[in-house]
Protein backbone atom coordinates (compact mmCIF):
# COMPACT_ATOMS: atom_id res chain seq x y z
CA UNK A 1 4.13 11.20 6.63
CA UNK A 2 5.98 11.68 9.92
CA UNK A 3 4.01 10.45 12.91
CA UNK A 4 1.40 8.59 10.88
CA UNK A 5 0.63 4.95 11.65
CA UNK A 6 -0.62 2.47 9.07
CA UNK A 7 -2.77 -0.43 10.25
CA UNK A 8 -3.64 -3.21 7.81
CA UNK A 9 -6.38 -5.79 8.25
CA UNK A 10 -6.73 -8.57 5.70
CA UNK A 11 -10.41 -9.06 4.86
CA UNK A 12 -10.03 -11.56 2.03
CA UNK A 13 -7.24 -13.53 0.37
CA UNK A 14 -9.01 -15.46 -2.36
CA UNK A 15 -9.36 -15.03 -5.27
CA UNK A 16 -7.53 -11.74 -4.63
CA UNK A 17 -6.64 -9.80 -1.49
CA UNK A 18 -8.79 -7.14 0.06
CA UNK A 19 -7.44 -5.08 2.94
CA UNK A 20 -8.90 -2.48 5.26
CA UNK A 21 -6.15 0.10 5.74
CA UNK A 22 -6.36 2.70 8.49
CA UNK A 23 -3.99 5.66 8.54
CA UNK A 24 -3.79 7.52 11.87
CA UNK A 25 -2.05 10.79 12.51
CA UNK A 26 -2.52 14.29 13.92
CA UNK A 27 -5.59 13.22 15.90
CA UNK A 28 -7.50 11.94 12.87
CA UNK A 29 -7.71 8.72 10.92
CA UNK A 30 -8.78 7.64 7.46
CA UNK A 31 -9.98 4.28 6.24
CA UNK A 32 -9.28 2.74 2.84
CA UNK A 33 -10.50 -0.50 1.27
CA UNK A 34 -7.62 -1.65 -0.89
CA UNK A 35 -7.46 -4.66 -3.19
CA UNK A 36 -4.50 -6.37 -4.80
CA UNK A 37 -4.63 -9.11 -7.41
CA UNK A 38 -2.45 -12.20 -7.19
CA UNK A 39 -1.18 -11.34 -10.67
CA UNK A 40 0.07 -7.91 -9.56
CA UNK A 41 1.75 -9.44 -6.51
CA UNK A 42 3.51 -12.12 -8.60
CA UNK A 43 4.85 -9.47 -11.01
CA UNK A 44 6.63 -7.78 -8.10
CA UNK A 45 8.79 -10.90 -7.60
CA UNK A 46 9.16 -10.13 -3.92
CA UNK A 47 9.56 -12.23 -0.80
CA UNK A 48 7.65 -9.59 1.15
CA UNK A 49 4.15 -10.40 2.35
CA UNK A 50 1.11 -8.89 0.62
CA UNK A 51 0.56 -6.81 3.79
CA UNK A 52 4.07 -5.39 3.47
CA UNK A 53 3.39 -4.49 -0.18
CA UNK A 54 0.27 -2.60 0.89
CA UNK A 55 2.08 -0.89 3.78
CA UNK A 56 4.94 0.24 1.51
CA UNK A 57 2.40 1.41 -1.07
CA UNK A 58 0.70 3.59 1.54
CA UNK A 59 4.05 4.94 2.75
CA UNK A 60 4.73 5.91 -0.86
CA UNK A 61 1.31 7.56 -1.23
CA UNK A 62 1.80 9.50 2.01
CA UNK A 63 4.97 11.07 0.58
CA UNK A 64 2.87 12.36 -2.32
CA UNK A 65 -0.42 13.38 -0.69
CA UNK A 66 -2.27 13.65 2.60
CA UNK A 67 -4.10 10.65 4.01
CA UNK A 68 -7.36 12.49 3.34
CA UNK A 69 -6.50 12.68 -0.38
CA UNK A 70 -5.99 8.93 -0.77
CA UNK A 71 -8.97 7.22 -2.40
CA UNK A 72 -11.28 5.42 0.03
CA UNK A 73 -11.46 2.35 -2.24
CA UNK A 74 -9.01 1.29 -4.94
CA UNK A 75 -6.90 -1.48 -6.39
CA UNK A 76 -3.22 -1.07 -5.56
CA UNK A 77 -2.22 -1.36 -9.23
CA UNK A 78 -3.84 1.99 -10.10
CA UNK A 79 -1.27 3.94 -8.06
CA UNK A 80 1.12 3.90 -11.03
CA UNK A 81 -1.58 5.61 -13.12
CA UNK A 82 -1.32 8.65 -10.84
CA UNK A 83 2.36 8.33 -9.92
CA UNK A 84 4.56 6.83 -12.68
CA UNK A 85 7.47 6.33 -10.24
CA UNK A 86 5.38 4.10 -7.93
CA UNK A 87 6.43 0.64 -9.15
CA UNK A 88 10.13 1.45 -9.20
CA UNK A 89 9.91 3.00 -5.74
CA UNK A 90 7.86 0.08 -4.39
CA UNK A 91 10.28 -2.54 -5.71
CA UNK A 92 13.24 -0.64 -4.24
CA UNK A 93 11.61 -0.27 -0.82
CA UNK A 94 10.61 -3.95 -0.77
CA UNK A 95 14.11 -5.05 -1.81
CA UNK A 96 15.67 -2.79 0.82
CA UNK A 97 13.47 -4.26 3.53
CA UNK A 98 14.27 -7.83 2.41
CA UNK A 99 17.95 -7.10 2.99
CA UNK A 100 17.32 -6.32 6.68
């Protein structure tokens, strides 16, 4: 993940969020259309913004796989299907950043 930049653009916020996420690094970039339901966001019980949730989710994914391996379109909630430790890791990283 070192040296990779994550750029998030909110495309839609109602009824649920849709983001265009660009990951740049090593001279290449990938683009991902990522959605997140309001229900999923509420379950996190976080003060972090939806954009921060998506950013932390991509940071998590980048510790597990290359940016090229991340699906080009997906709902954020499916990450835990592939990586069972995702939700716990996400909540911890969001809580840690809220303490700053």
